Amino acid sequence: MEVVQNEQTCKKAHLAIQDTLDVVGGKWKLILISILRNGPFRFKELSREAGITPRILSKELKELEMNGLVTRTVCDTRPITVEYALTDYSESLSEVIMAMHKWGTEHRERIKKEW
C-alpha cells in the first residue's frame, strides 16, 4: 500500500513540475519575467534588453499574458506604443526565480573554479 501511495505522490509531483514548465519553460520566459521585475517596458525596449527577436518576443509575451503573468497596455501615443508589465499573480514566481538565480550564481562560480 505504501509503495502505491509513493508512486501516486511521485506522479503528482511530476505533473506539478510539468505544469510549471508548461507556463514558464523555454529559453525566454523567465528571462522576460526577470527583466519586467524592474518595471514596465515597451516592446522594442524589451526586445533590446532581452536580446530577442520581435517575432519570438511576441510569441513569448502572448503566452505569458495568456497565463496571467504579464499585462499588455496599448498607450495612447503617436505612434501607438505597447507596454508590458508583470501582474500581481506573477509575484507567485518570486521564490522560484530567486532560487534559480541563487543556484545559477553558485553554479557559475563552481564552474569558474574548475576551469
PDB file of N, CA and C in Angstrom:
ATOM      1  N   MET A   1       0.820  -1.199   0.000  1.00  0.00           N
ATOM      2  CA  MET A   1       0.000   0.000   0.000  1.00  0.00           C
ATOM      3  C   MET A   1       0.864   1.264   0.000  1.00  0.00           C
ATOM      4  N   GLU A   2       1.943   1.259   0.792  1.00  0.00           N
ATOM      5  CA  GLU A   2       2.826   2.423   0.881  1.00  0.00           C
ATOM      6  C   GLU A   2       3.524   2.692  -0.455  1.00  0.00           C
ATOM      7  N   VAL A   3       3.902   1.641  -1.164  1.00  0.00           N
ATOM      8  CA  VAL A   3       4.565   1.789  -2.460  1.00  0.00           C
ATOM      9  C   VAL A   3       3.633   2.472  -3.447  1.00  0.00           C
ATOM     10  N   VAL A   4       2.358   2.093  -3.448  1.00  0.00           N
ATOM     11  CA  VAL A   4       1.375   2.688  -4.355  1.00  0.00           C
ATOM     12  C   VAL A   4       1.206   4.174  -4.036  1.00  0.00           C
ATOM     13  N   GLN A   5       1.130   4.534  -2.749  1.00  0.00           N
ATOM     14  CA  GLN A   5       0.996   5.936  -2.363  1.00  0.00           C
ATOM     15  C   GLN A   5       2.227   6.735  -2.776  1.00  0.00           C
ATOM     16  N   ASN A   6       3.409   6.158  -2.610  1.00  0.00           N
ATOM     17  CA  ASN A   6       4.630   6.847  -3.024  1.00  0.00           C
ATOM     18  C   ASN A   6       4.650   7.071  -4.531  1.00  0.00           C
ATOM     19  N   GLU A   7       4.198   6.080  -5.294  1.00  0.00           N
ATOM     20  CA  GLU A   7       4.135   6.232  -6.754  1.00  0.00           C
ATOM     21  C   GLU A   7       3.149   7.322  -7.135  1.00  0.00           C
ATOM     22  N   GLN A   8       1.999   7.361  -6.470  1.00  0.00           N
ATOM     23  CA  GLN A   8       0.997   8.391  -6.759  1.00  0.00           C
ATOM     24  C   GLN A   8       1.525   9.778  -6.390  1.00  0.00           C
ATOM     25  N   THR A   9       2.183   9.881  -5.260  1.00  0.00           N
ATOM     26  CA  THR A   9       2.767  11.154  -4.839  1.00  0.00           C
ATOM     27  C   THR A   9       3.819  11.600  -5.839  1.00  0.00           C
ATOM     28  N   CYS A  10       4.629  10.666  -6.293  1.00  0.00           N
ATOM     29  CA  CYS A  10       5.680  10.962  -7.263  1.00  0.00           C
ATOM     30  C   CYS A  10       5.059  11.426  -8.589  1.00  0.00           C
ATOM     31  N   LYS A  11       4.015  10.758  -9.045  1.00  0.00           N
ATOM     32  CA  LYS A  11       3.345  11.146 -10.293  1.00  0.00           C
ATOM     33  C   LYS A  11       2.741  12.538 -10.169  1.00  0.00           C
ATOM     34  N   LYS A  12       2.134  12.834  -9.005  1.00  0.00           N
ATOM     35  CA  LYS A  12       1.562  14.164  -8.796  1.00  0.00           C
ATOM     36  C   LYS A  12       2.657  15.231  -8.816  1.00  0.00           C
ATOM     37  N   ALA A  13       3.804  14.924  -8.230  1.00  0.00           N
ATOM     38  CA  ALA A  13       4.929  15.863  -8.241  1.00  0.00           C
ATOM     39  C   ALA A  13       5.394  16.108  -9.672  1.00  0.00           C
ATOM     40  N   HIS A  14       5.475  15.035 -10.456  1.00  0.00           N
ATOM     41  CA  HIS A  14       5.875  15.198 -11.863  1.00  0.00           C
ATOM     42  C   HIS A  14       4.875  16.051 -12.618  1.00  0.00           C
ATOM     43  N   LEU A  15       3.579  15.848 -12.355  1.00  0.00           N
ATOM     44  CA  LEU A  15       2.556  16.653 -13.022  1.00  0.00           C
ATOM     45  C   LEU A  15       2.681  18.127 -12.642  1.00  0.00           C
ATOM     46  N   ALA A  16       2.938  18.398 -11.374  1.00  0.00           N
ATOM     47  CA  ALA A  16       3.080  19.782 -10.924  1.00  0.00           C
ATOM     48  C   ALA A  16       4.282  20.447 -11.585  1.00  0.00           C
ATOM     49  N   ILE A  17       5.371  19.724 -11.675  1.00  0.00           N
ATOM     50  CA  ILE A  17       6.572  20.264 -12.333  1.00  0.00           C
ATOM     51  C   ILE A  17       6.292  20.484 -13.817  1.00  0.00           C
ATOM     52  N   GLN A  18       5.612  19.549 -14.450  1.00  0.00           N
ATOM     53  CA  GLN A  18       5.272  19.699 -15.871  1.00  0.00           C
ATOM     54  C   GLN A  18       4.369  20.905 -16.090  1.00  0.00           C
ATOM     55  N   ASP A  19       3.384  21.084 -15.196  1.00  0.00           N
ATOM     56  CA  ASP A  19       2.501  22.254 -15.298  1.00  0.00           C
ATOM     57  C   ASP A  19       3.304  23.546 -15.205  1.00  0.00           C
ATOM     58  N   THR A  20       4.252  23.593 -14.285  1.00  0.00           N
ATOM     59  CA  THR A  20       5.089  24.781 -14.116  1.00  0.00           C
ATOM     60  C   THR A  20       5.913  25.029 -15.375  1.00  0.00           C
ATOM     61  N   LEU A  21       6.527  23.973 -15.894  1.00  0.00           N
ATOM     62  CA  LEU A  21       7.348  24.127 -17.097  1.00  0.00           C
ATOM     63  C   LEU A  21       6.513  24.516 -18.312  1.00  0.00           C
ATOM     64  N   ASP A  22       5.273  24.059 -18.363  1.00  0.00           N
ATOM     65  CA  ASP A  22       4.393  24.451 -19.465  1.00  0.00           C
ATOM     66  C   ASP A  22       4.161  25.956 -19.480  1.00  0.00           C
ATOM     67  N   VAL A  23       4.151  26.575 -18.298  1.00  0.00           N
ATOM     68  CA  VAL A  23       3.885  28.008 -18.199  1.00  0.00           C
ATOM     69  C   VAL A  23       5.160  28.839 -18.350  1.00  0.00           C
ATOM     70  N   VAL A  24       6.253  28.435 -17.704  1.00  0.00           N
ATOM     71  CA  VAL A  24       7.463  29.282 -17.695  1.00  0.00           C
ATOM     72  C   VAL A  24       8.666  28.630 -18.355  1.00  0.00           C
ATOM     73  N   GLY A  25       8.476  27.478 -18.961  1.00  0.00           N
ATOM     74  CA  GLY A  25       9.594  26.779 -19.576  1.00  0.00           C
ATOM     75  C   GLY A  25      10.057  27.445 -20.858  1.00  0.00           C
ATOM     76  N   GLY A  26      11.173  26.998 -21.337  1.00  0.00           N
ATOM     77  CA  GLY A  26      11.735  27.558 -22.561  1.00  0.00           C
ATOM     78  C   GLY A  26      12.864  28.517 -22.240  1.00  0.00           C
ATOM     79  N   LYS A  27      13.451  29.031 -23.291  1.00  0.00           N
ATOM     80  CA  LYS A  27      14.644  29.857 -23.156  1.00  0.00           C
ATOM     81  C   LYS A  27      14.352  31.265 -22.631  1.00  0.00           C
ATOM     82  N   TRP A  28      13.167  31.822 -22.911  1.00  0.00           N
ATOM     83  CA  TRP A  28      12.961  33.249 -22.725  1.00  0.00           C
ATOM     84  C   TRP A  28      12.025  33.667 -21.607  1.00  0.00           C
ATOM     85  N   LYS A  29      11.075  32.844 -21.221  1.00  0.00           N
ATOM     86  CA  LYS A  29      10.011  33.320 -20.326  1.00  0.00           C
ATOM     87  C   LYS A  29      10.531  33.826 -18.982  1.00  0.00           C
ATOM     88  N   LEU A  30      11.358  33.059 -18.325  1.00  0.00           N
ATOM     89  CA  LEU A  30      11.869  33.513 -17.028  1.00  0.00           C
ATOM     90  C   LEU A  30      12.794  34.712 -17.166  1.00  0.00           C
ATOM     91  N   ILE A  31      13.497  34.796 -18.281  1.00  0.00           N
ATOM     92  CA  ILE A  31      14.341  35.973 -18.529  1.00  0.00           C
ATOM     93  C   ILE A  31      13.461  37.211 -18.688  1.00  0.00           C
ATOM     94  N   LEU A  32      12.383  37.079 -19.445  1.00  0.00           N
ATOM     95  CA  LEU A  32      11.475  38.212 -19.629  1.00  0.00           C
ATOM     96  C   LEU A  32      10.835  38.621 -18.309  1.00  0.00           C
ATOM     97  N   ILE A  33      10.425  37.653 -17.521  1.00  0.00           N
ATOM     98  CA  ILE A  33       9.841  37.955 -16.212  1.00  0.00           C
ATOM     99  C   ILE A  33      10.865  38.677 -15.338  1.00  0.00           C
ATOM    100  N   SER A  34      12.105  38.211 -15.357  1.00  0.00           N
ATOM    101  CA  SER A  34      13.161  38.861 -14.573  1.00  0.00           C
ATOM    102  C   SER A  34      13.368  40.306 -15.005  1.00  0.00           C
ATOM    103  N   ILE A  35      13.378  40.548 -16.293  1.00  0.00           N
ATOM    104  CA  ILE A  35      13.548  41.914 -16.806  1.00  0.00           C
ATOM    105  C   ILE A  35      12.361  42.777 -16.387  1.00  0.00           C
ATOM    106  N   LEU A  36      11.163  42.252 -16.529  1.00  0.00           N
ATOM    107  CA  LEU A  36       9.963  43.022 -16.217  1.00  0.00           C
ATOM    108  C   LEU A  36       9.794  43.284 -14.720  1.00  0.00           C
ATOM    109  N   ARG A  37      10.570  42.595 -13.901  1.00  0.00           N
ATOM    110  CA  ARG A  37      10.528  42.877 -12.455  1.00  0.00           C
ATOM    111  C   ARG A  37      11.049  44.278 -12.171  1.00  0.00           C
ATOM    112  N   ASN A  38      11.781  44.865 -13.113  1.00  0.00           N
ATOM    113  CA  ASN A  38      12.306  46.225 -12.968  1.00  0.00           C
ATOM    114  C   ASN A  38      11.285  47.284 -13.355  1.00  0.00           C
ATOM    115  N   GLY A  39      10.105  46.867 -13.777  1.00  0.00           N
ATOM    116  CA  GLY A  39       9.058  47.805 -14.169  1.00  0.00           C
ATOM    117  C   GLY A  39       8.598  47.549 -15.586  1.00  0.00           C
ATOM    118  N   PRO A  40       7.606  48.305 -16.029  1.00  0.00           N
ATOM    119  CA  PRO A  40       7.069  48.119 -17.384  1.00  0.00           C
ATOM    120  C   PRO A  40       8.107  48.455 -18.460  1.00  0.00           C
ATOM    121  N   PHE A  41       7.993  47.761 -19.576  1.00  0.00           N
ATOM    122  CA  PHE A  41       8.862  48.005 -20.733  1.00  0.00           C
ATOM    123  C   PHE A  41       7.997  48.094 -21.977  1.00  0.00           C
ATOM    124  N   ARG A  42       8.413  48.942 -22.879  1.00  0.00           N
ATOM    125  CA  ARG A  42       7.792  48.952 -24.206  1.00  0.00           C
ATOM    126  C   ARG A  42       8.373  47.787 -25.003  1.00  0.00           C
ATOM    127  N   PHE A  43       7.657  47.401 -26.031  1.00  0.00           N
ATOM    128  CA  PHE A  43       8.023  46.208 -26.795  1.00  0.00           C
ATOM    129  C   PHE A  43       9.459  46.270 -27.299  1.00  0.00           C
ATOM    130  N   LYS A  44       9.827  47.360 -27.960  1.00  0.00           N
ATOM    131  CA  LYS A  44      11.179  47.459 -28.530  1.00  0.00           C
ATOM    132  C   LYS A  44      12.248  47.485 -27.448  1.00  0.00           C
ATOM    133  N   GLU A  45      11.951  48.148 -26.324  1.00  0.00           N
ATOM    134  CA  GLU A  45      12.904  48.179 -25.216  1.00  0.00           C
ATOM    135  C   GLU A  45      13.130  46.768 -24.671  1.00  0.00           C
ATOM    136  N   LEU A  46      12.046  46.039 -24.537  1.00  0.00           N
ATOM    137  CA  LEU A  46      12.127  44.675 -24.016  1.00  0.00           C
ATOM    138  C   LEU A  46      12.889  43.769 -24.970  1.00  0.00           C
ATOM    139  N   SER A  47      12.667  43.951 -26.263  1.00  0.00           N
ATOM    140  CA  SER A  47      13.382  43.179 -27.277  1.00  0.00           C
ATOM    141  C   SER A  47      14.884  43.433 -27.194  1.00  0.00           C
ATOM    142  N   ARG A  48      15.256  44.696 -27.062  1.00  0.00           N
ATOM    143  CA  ARG A  48      16.676  45.056 -26.946  1.00  0.00           C
ATOM    144  C   ARG A  48      17.279  44.525 -25.652  1.00  0.00           C
ATOM    145  N   GLU A  49      16.585  44.729 -24.556  1.00  0.00           N
ATOM    146  CA  GLU A  49      17.094  44.333 -23.234  1.00  0.00           C
ATOM    147  C   GLU A  49      17.320  42.826 -23.153  1.00  0.00           C
ATOM    148  N   ALA A  50      16.393  42.052 -23.727  1.00  0.00           N
ATOM    149  CA  ALA A  50      16.485  40.589 -23.659  1.00  0.00           C
ATOM    150  C   ALA A  50      17.368  40.020 -24.761  1.00  0.00           C
ATOM    151  N   GLY A  51      17.581  40.795 -25.830  1.00  0.00           N
ATOM    152  CA  GLY A  51      18.338  40.269 -26.967  1.00  0.00           C
ATOM    153  C   GLY A  51      17.551  39.205 -27.707  1.00  0.00           C
ATOM    154  N   ILE A  52      16.279  39.472 -27.912  1.00  0.00           N
ATOM    155  CA  ILE A  52      15.361  38.508 -28.509  1.00  0.00           C
ATOM    156  C   ILE A  52      14.706  39.138 -29.741  1.00  0.00           C
ATOM    157  N   THR A  53      14.459  38.336 -30.753  1.00  0.00           N
ATOM    158  CA  THR A  53      13.836  38.862 -31.965  1.00  0.00           C
ATOM    159  C   THR A  53      12.381  39.240 -31.684  1.00  0.00           C
ATOM    160  N   PRO A  54      11.873  40.233 -32.406  1.00  0.00           N
ATOM    161  CA  PRO A  54      10.482  40.648 -32.196  1.00  0.00           C
ATOM    162  C   PRO A  54       9.473  39.509 -32.384  1.00  0.00           C
ATOM    163  N   ARG A  55       9.715  38.639 -33.335  1.00  0.00           N
ATOM    164  CA  ARG A  55       8.775  37.541 -33.594  1.00  0.00           C
ATOM    165  C   ARG A  55       8.683  36.603 -32.397  1.00  0.00           C
ATOM    166  N   ILE A  56       9.826  36.219 -31.861  1.00  0.00           N
ATOM    167  CA  ILE A  56       9.838  35.302 -30.716  1.00  0.00           C
ATOM    168  C   ILE A  56       9.331  36.025 -29.470  1.00  0.00           C
ATOM    169  N   LEU A  57       9.707  37.284 -29.302  1.00  0.00           N
ATOM    170  CA  LEU A  57       9.238  38.058 -28.159  1.00  0.00           C
ATOM    171  C   LEU A  57       7.715  38.142 -28.156  1.00  0.00           C
ATOM    172  N   SER A  58       7.141  38.407 -29.305  1.00  0.00           N
ATOM    173  CA  SER A  58       5.685  38.493 -29.410  1.00  0.00           C
ATOM    174  C   SER A  58       5.023  37.186 -28.979  1.00  0.00           C
ATOM    175  N   LYS A  59       5.558  36.074 -29.442  1.00  0.00           N
ATOM    176  CA  LYS A  59       5.025  34.750 -29.086  1.00  0.00           C
ATOM    177  C   LYS A  59       5.127  34.501 -27.584  1.00  0.00           C
ATOM    178  N   GLU A  60       6.293  34.786 -27.016  1.00  0.00           N
ATOM    179  CA  GLU A  60       6.517  34.551 -25.593  1.00  0.00           C
ATOM    180  C   GLU A  60       5.606  35.439 -24.738  1.00  0.00           C
ATOM    181  N   LEU A  61       5.464  36.707 -25.124  1.00  0.00           N
ATOM    182  CA  LEU A  61       4.616  37.624 -24.366  1.00  0.00           C
ATOM    183  C   LEU A  61       3.154  37.206 -24.427  1.00  0.00           C
ATOM    184  N   LYS A  62       2.706  36.738 -25.587  1.00  0.00           N
ATOM    185  CA  LYS A  62       1.319  36.259 -25.702  1.00  0.00           C
ATOM    186  C   LYS A  62       1.066  35.095 -24.758  1.00  0.00           C
ATOM    187  N   GLU A  63       2.031  34.182 -24.675  1.00  0.00           N
ATOM    188  CA  GLU A  63       1.884  33.030 -23.779  1.00  0.00           C
ATOM    189  C   GLU A  63       1.898  33.460 -22.318  1.00  0.00           C
ATOM    190  N   LEU A  64       2.781  34.385 -21.968  1.00  0.00           N
ATOM    191  CA  LEU A  64       2.823  34.885 -20.593  1.00  0.00           C
ATOM    192  C   LEU A  64       1.533  35.631 -20.241  1.00  0.00           C
ATOM    193  N   GLU A  65       1.012  36.378 -21.201  1.00  0.00           N
ATOM    194  CA  GLU A  65      -0.252  37.092 -20.986  1.00  0.00           C
ATOM    195  C   GLU A  65      -1.406  36.102 -20.829  1.00  0.00           C
ATOM    196  N   MET A  66      -1.423  35.081 -21.657  1.00  0.00           N
ATOM    197  CA  MET A  66      -2.469  34.071 -21.598  1.00  0.00           C
ATOM    198  C   MET A  66      -2.495  33.369 -20.234  1.00  0.00           C
ATOM    199  N   ASN A  67      -1.326  33.220 -19.620  1.00  0.00           N
ATOM    200  CA  ASN A  67      -1.227  32.561 -18.321  1.00  0.00           C
ATOM    201  C   ASN A  67      -1.337  33.530 -17.148  1.00  0.00           C
ATOM    202  N   GLY A  68      -1.652  34.783 -17.434  1.00  0.00           N
ATOM    203  CA  GLY A  68      -1.920  35.748 -16.386  1.00  0.00           C
ATOM    204  C   GLY A  68      -0.696  36.317 -15.697  1.00  0.00           C
ATOM    205  N   LEU A  69       0.461  36.216 -16.337  1.00  0.00           N
ATOM    206  CA  LEU A  69       1.696  36.701 -15.717  1.00  0.00           C
ATOM    207  C   LEU A  69       2.111  38.090 -16.196  1.00  0.00           C
ATOM    208  N   VAL A  70       1.623  38.488 -17.369  1.00  0.00           N
ATOM    209  CA  VAL A  70       2.011  39.762 -17.979  1.00  0.00           C
ATOM    210  C   VAL A  70       0.759  40.473 -18.480  1.00  0.00           C
ATOM    211  N   THR A  71       0.755  41.805 -18.342  1.00  0.00           N
ATOM    212  CA  THR A  71      -0.317  42.600 -18.940  1.00  0.00           C
ATOM    213  C   THR A  71       0.234  43.356 -20.137  1.00  0.00           C
ATOM    214  N   ARG A  72      -0.639  43.600 -21.080  1.00  0.00           N
ATOM    215  CA  ARG A  72      -0.307  44.339 -22.295  1.00  0.00           C
ATOM    216  C   ARG A  72      -1.182  45.578 -22.316  1.00  0.00           C
ATOM    217  N   THR A  73      -0.544  46.750 -22.383  1.00  0.00           N
ATOM    218  CA  THR A  73      -1.291  48.007 -22.395  1.00  0.00           C
ATOM    219  C   THR A  73      -0.927  48.782 -23.648  1.00  0.00           C
ATOM    220  N   VAL A  74      -1.948  49.139 -24.422  1.00  0.00           N
ATOM    221  CA  VAL A  74      -1.746  49.973 -25.605  1.00  0.00           C
ATOM    222  C   VAL A  74      -1.788  51.418 -25.130  1.00  0.00           C
ATOM    223  N   CYS A  75      -0.688  52.135 -25.350  1.00  0.00           N
ATOM    224  CA  CYS A  75      -0.576  53.522 -24.898  1.00  0.00           C
ATOM    225  C   CYS A  75      -1.124  54.467 -25.959  1.00  0.00           C
ATOM    226  N   ASP A  76      -1.787  55.507 -25.516  1.00  0.00           N
ATOM    227  CA  ASP A  76      -2.386  56.494 -26.417  1.00  0.00           C
ATOM    228  C   ASP A  76      -1.323  57.513 -26.817  1.00  0.00           C
ATOM    229  N   THR A  77      -0.410  57.077 -27.664  1.00  0.00           N
ATOM    230  CA  THR A  77       0.679  57.928 -28.133  1.00  0.00           C
ATOM    231  C   THR A  77       0.717  57.894 -29.646  1.00  0.00           C
ATOM    232  N   ARG A  78       1.481  58.813 -30.212  1.00  0.00           N
ATOM    233  CA  ARG A  78       1.710  58.815 -31.659  1.00  0.00           C
ATOM    234  C   ARG A  78       3.184  58.600 -31.893  1.00  0.00           C
ATOM    235  N   PRO A  79       3.657  57.566 -32.530  1.00  0.00           N
ATOM    236  CA  PRO A  79       2.869  56.407 -32.910  1.00  0.00           C
ATOM    237  C   PRO A  79       2.431  55.603 -31.684  1.00  0.00           C
ATOM    238  N   ILE A  80       1.462  54.750 -31.884  1.00  0.00           N
ATOM    239  CA  ILE A  80       0.946  53.929 -30.796  1.00  0.00           C
ATOM    240  C   ILE A  80       2.060  53.013 -30.291  1.00  0.00           C
ATOM    241  N   THR A  81       2.196  52.936 -28.981  1.00  0.00           N
ATOM    242  CA  THR A  81       3.178  52.038 -28.381  1.00  0.00           C
ATOM    243  C   THR A  81       2.452  51.067 -27.458  1.00  0.00           C
ATOM    244  N   VAL A  82       3.104  49.953 -27.219  1.00  0.00           N
ATOM    245  CA  VAL A  82       2.550  48.922 -26.344  1.00  0.00           C
ATOM    246  C   VAL A  82       3.532  48.701 -25.208  1.00  0.00           C
ATOM    247  N   GLU A  83       2.992  48.622 -24.006  1.00  0.00           N
ATOM    248  CA  GLU A  83       3.816  48.457 -22.824  1.00  0.00           C
ATOM    249  C   GLU A  83       3.437  47.150 -22.126  1.00  0.00           C
ATOM    250  N   TYR A  84       4.442  46.451 -21.630  1.00  0.00           N
ATOM    251  CA  TYR A  84       4.227  45.186 -20.934  1.00  0.00           C
ATOM    252  C   TYR A  84       4.688  45.313 -19.498  1.00  0.00           C
ATOM    253  N   ALA A  85       3.915  44.710 -18.592  1.00  0.00           N
ATOM    254  CA  ALA A  85       4.249  44.749 -17.167  1.00  0.00           C
ATOM    255  C   ALA A  85       3.822  43.428 -16.537  1.00  0.00           C
ATOM    256  N   LEU A  86       4.415  43.138 -15.393  1.00  0.00           N
ATOM    257  CA  LEU A  86       4.039  41.943 -14.664  1.00  0.00           C
ATOM    258  C   LEU A  86       2.719  42.161 -13.935  1.00  0.00           C
ATOM    259  N   THR A  87       1.964  41.106 -13.767  1.00  0.00           N
ATOM    260  CA  THR A  87       0.742  41.151 -12.979  1.00  0.00           C
ATOM    261  C   THR A  87       1.080  40.852 -11.524  1.00  0.00           C
ATOM    262  N   ASP A  88       0.127  41.094 -10.649  1.00  0.00           N
ATOM    263  CA  ASP A  88       0.321  40.726  -9.246  1.00  0.00           C
ATOM    264  C   ASP A  88       0.531  39.218  -9.124  1.00  0.00           C
ATOM    265  N   TYR A  89      -0.158  38.454  -9.960  1.00  0.00           N
ATOM    266  CA  TYR A  89      -0.042  36.999  -9.921  1.00  0.00           C
ATOM    267  C   TYR A  89       1.384  36.526 -10.205  1.00  0.00           C
ATOM    268  N   SER A  90       2.108  37.261 -11.027  1.00  0.00           N
ATOM    269  CA  SER A  90       3.486  36.865 -11.361  1.00  0.00           C
ATOM    270  C   SER A  90       4.372  36.856 -10.125  1.00  0.00           C
ATOM    271  N   GLU A  91       3.973  37.596  -9.112  1.00  0.00           N
ATOM    272  CA  GLU A  91       4.741  37.638  -7.861  1.00  0.00           C
ATOM    273  C   GLU A  91       4.839  36.248  -7.233  1.00  0.00           C
ATOM    274  N   SER A  92       3.896  35.360  -7.573  1.00  0.00           N
ATOM    275  CA  SER A  92       3.925  33.993  -7.041  1.00  0.00           C
ATOM    276  C   SER A  92       5.140  33.212  -7.538  1.00  0.00           C
ATOM    277  N   LEU A  93       5.837  33.725  -8.552  1.00  0.00           N
ATOM    278  CA  LEU A  93       7.045  33.081  -9.071  1.00  0.00           C
ATOM    279  C   LEU A  93       8.327  33.606  -8.430  1.00  0.00           C
ATOM    280  N   SER A  94       8.209  34.582  -7.542  1.00  0.00           N
ATOM    281  CA  SER A  94       9.395  35.218  -6.965  1.00  0.00           C
ATOM    282  C   SER A  94      10.340  34.224  -6.313  1.00  0.00           C
ATOM    283  N   GLU A  95       9.809  33.333  -5.494  1.00  0.00           N
ATOM    284  CA  GLU A  95      10.671  32.357  -4.814  1.00  0.00           C
ATOM    285  C   GLU A  95      11.382  31.459  -5.816  1.00  0.00           C
ATOM    286  N   VAL A  96      10.679  31.070  -6.863  1.00  0.00           N
ATOM    287  CA  VAL A  96      11.269  30.217  -7.899  1.00  0.00           C
ATOM    288  C   VAL A  96      12.410  30.957  -8.585  1.00  0.00           C
ATOM    289  N   ILE A  97      12.164  32.198  -8.965  1.00  0.00           N
ATOM    290  CA  ILE A  97      13.175  32.990  -9.673  1.00  0.00           C
ATOM    291  C   ILE A  97      14.383  33.249  -8.773  1.00  0.00           C
ATOM    292  N   MET A  98      14.129  33.593  -7.513  1.00  0.00           N
ATOM    293  CA  MET A  98      15.247  33.847  -6.598  1.00  0.00           C
ATOM    294  C   MET A  98      16.058  32.576  -6.361  1.00  0.00           C
ATOM    295  N   ALA A  99      15.385  31.431  -6.237  1.00  0.00           N
ATOM    296  CA  ALA A  99      16.098  30.163  -6.050  1.00  0.00           C
ATOM    297  C   ALA A  99      16.928  29.829  -7.287  1.00  0.00           C
ATOM    298  N   MET A 100      16.376  30.063  -8.475  1.00  0.00           N
ATOM    299  CA  MET A 100      17.118  29.797  -9.706  1.00  0.00           C
ATOM    300  C   MET A 100      18.312  30.747  -9.836  1.00  0.00           C
ATOM    301  N   HIS A 101      18.122  32.008  -9.454  1.00  0.00           N
ATOM    302  CA  HIS A 101      19.215  32.977  -9.501  1.00  0.00           C
ATOM    303  C   HIS A 101      20.341  32.540  -8.566  1.00  0.00           C
ATOM    304  N   LYS A 102      19.970  32.152  -7.358  1.00  0.00           N
ATOM    305  CA  LYS A 102      20.966  31.709  -6.380  1.00  0.00           C
ATOM    306  C   LYS A 102      21.715  30.482  -6.891  1.00  0.00           C
ATOM    307  N   TRP A 103      20.980  29.508  -7.384  1.00  0.00           N
ATOM    308  CA  TRP A 103      21.611  28.286  -7.872  1.00  0.00           C
ATOM    309  C   TRP A 103      22.507  28.600  -9.070  1.00  0.00           C
ATOM    310  N   GLY A 104      22.023  29.421  -9.999  1.00  0.00           N
ATOM    311  CA  GLY A 104      22.806  29.777 -11.178  1.00  0.00           C
ATOM    312  C   GLY A 104      24.093  30.491 -10.833  1.00  0.00           C
ATOM    313  N   THR A 105      24.018  31.402  -9.855  1.00  0.00           N
ATOM    314  CA  THR A 105      25.210  32.127  -9.415  1.00  0.00           C
ATOM    315  C   THR A 105      26.225  31.166  -8.800  1.00  0.00           C
ATOM    316  N   GLU A 106      25.744  30.289  -7.925  1.00  0.00           N
ATOM    317  CA  GLU A 106      26.638  29.320  -7.290  1.00  0.00           C
ATOM    318  C   GLU A 106      27.219  28.347  -8.316  1.00  0.00           C
ATOM    319  N   HIS A 107      26.410  27.935  -9.260  1.00  0.00           N
ATOM    320  CA  HIS A 107      26.880  27.011 -10.296  1.00  0.00           C
ATOM    321  C   HIS A 107      27.956  27.672 -11.164  1.00  0.00           C
ATOM    322  N   ARG A 108      27.714  28.921 -11.534  1.00  0.00           N
ATOM    323  CA  ARG A 108      28.694  29.653 -12.356  1.00  0.00           C
ATOM    324  C   ARG A 108      30.024  29.773 -11.614  1.00  0.00           C
ATOM    325  N   GLU A 109      29.975  30.092 -10.319  1.00  0.00           N
ATOM    326  CA  GLU A 109      31.199  30.193  -9.523  1.00  0.00           C
ATOM    327  C   GLU A 109      31.914  28.830  -9.450  1.00  0.00           C
ATOM    328  N   ARG A 110      31.158  27.780  -9.287  1.00  0.00           N
ATOM    329  CA  ARG A 110      31.743  26.434  -9.230  1.00  0.00           C
ATOM    330  C   ARG A 110      32.453  26.086 -10.538  1.00  0.00           C
ATOM    331  N   ILE A 111      31.810  26.387 -11.632  1.00  0.00           N
ATOM    332  CA  ILE A 111      32.392  26.108 -12.952  1.00  0.00           C
ATOM    333  C   ILE A 111      33.657  26.929 -13.164  1.00  0.00           C
ATOM    334  N   LYS A 112      33.625  28.210 -12.768  1.00  0.00           N
ATOM    335  CA  LYS A 112      34.811  29.067 -12.912  1.00  0.00           C
ATOM    336  C   LYS A 112      36.004  28.475 -12.167  1.00  0.00           C
ATOM    337  N   LYS A 113      35.749  27.964 -10.962  1.00  0.00           N
ATOM    338  CA  LYS A 113      36.837  27.389 -10.158  1.00  0.00           C
ATOM    339  C   LYS A 113      37.418  26.140 -10.814  1.00  0.00           C
ATOM    340  N   GLU A 114      36.586  25.389 -11.497  1.00  0.00           N
ATOM    341  CA  GLU A 114      37.052  24.155 -12.128  1.00  0.00           C
ATOM    342  C   GLU A 114      37.850  24.437 -13.403  1.00  0.00           C
ATOM    343  N   TRP A 115      37.675  25.599 -13.991  1.00  0.00           N
ATOM    344  CA  TRP A 115      38.391  25.916 -15.226  1.00  0.00           C
ATOM    345  C   TRP A 115      39.691  26.478 -14.856  1.00  0.00           C
TER     346      TRP A 115
END
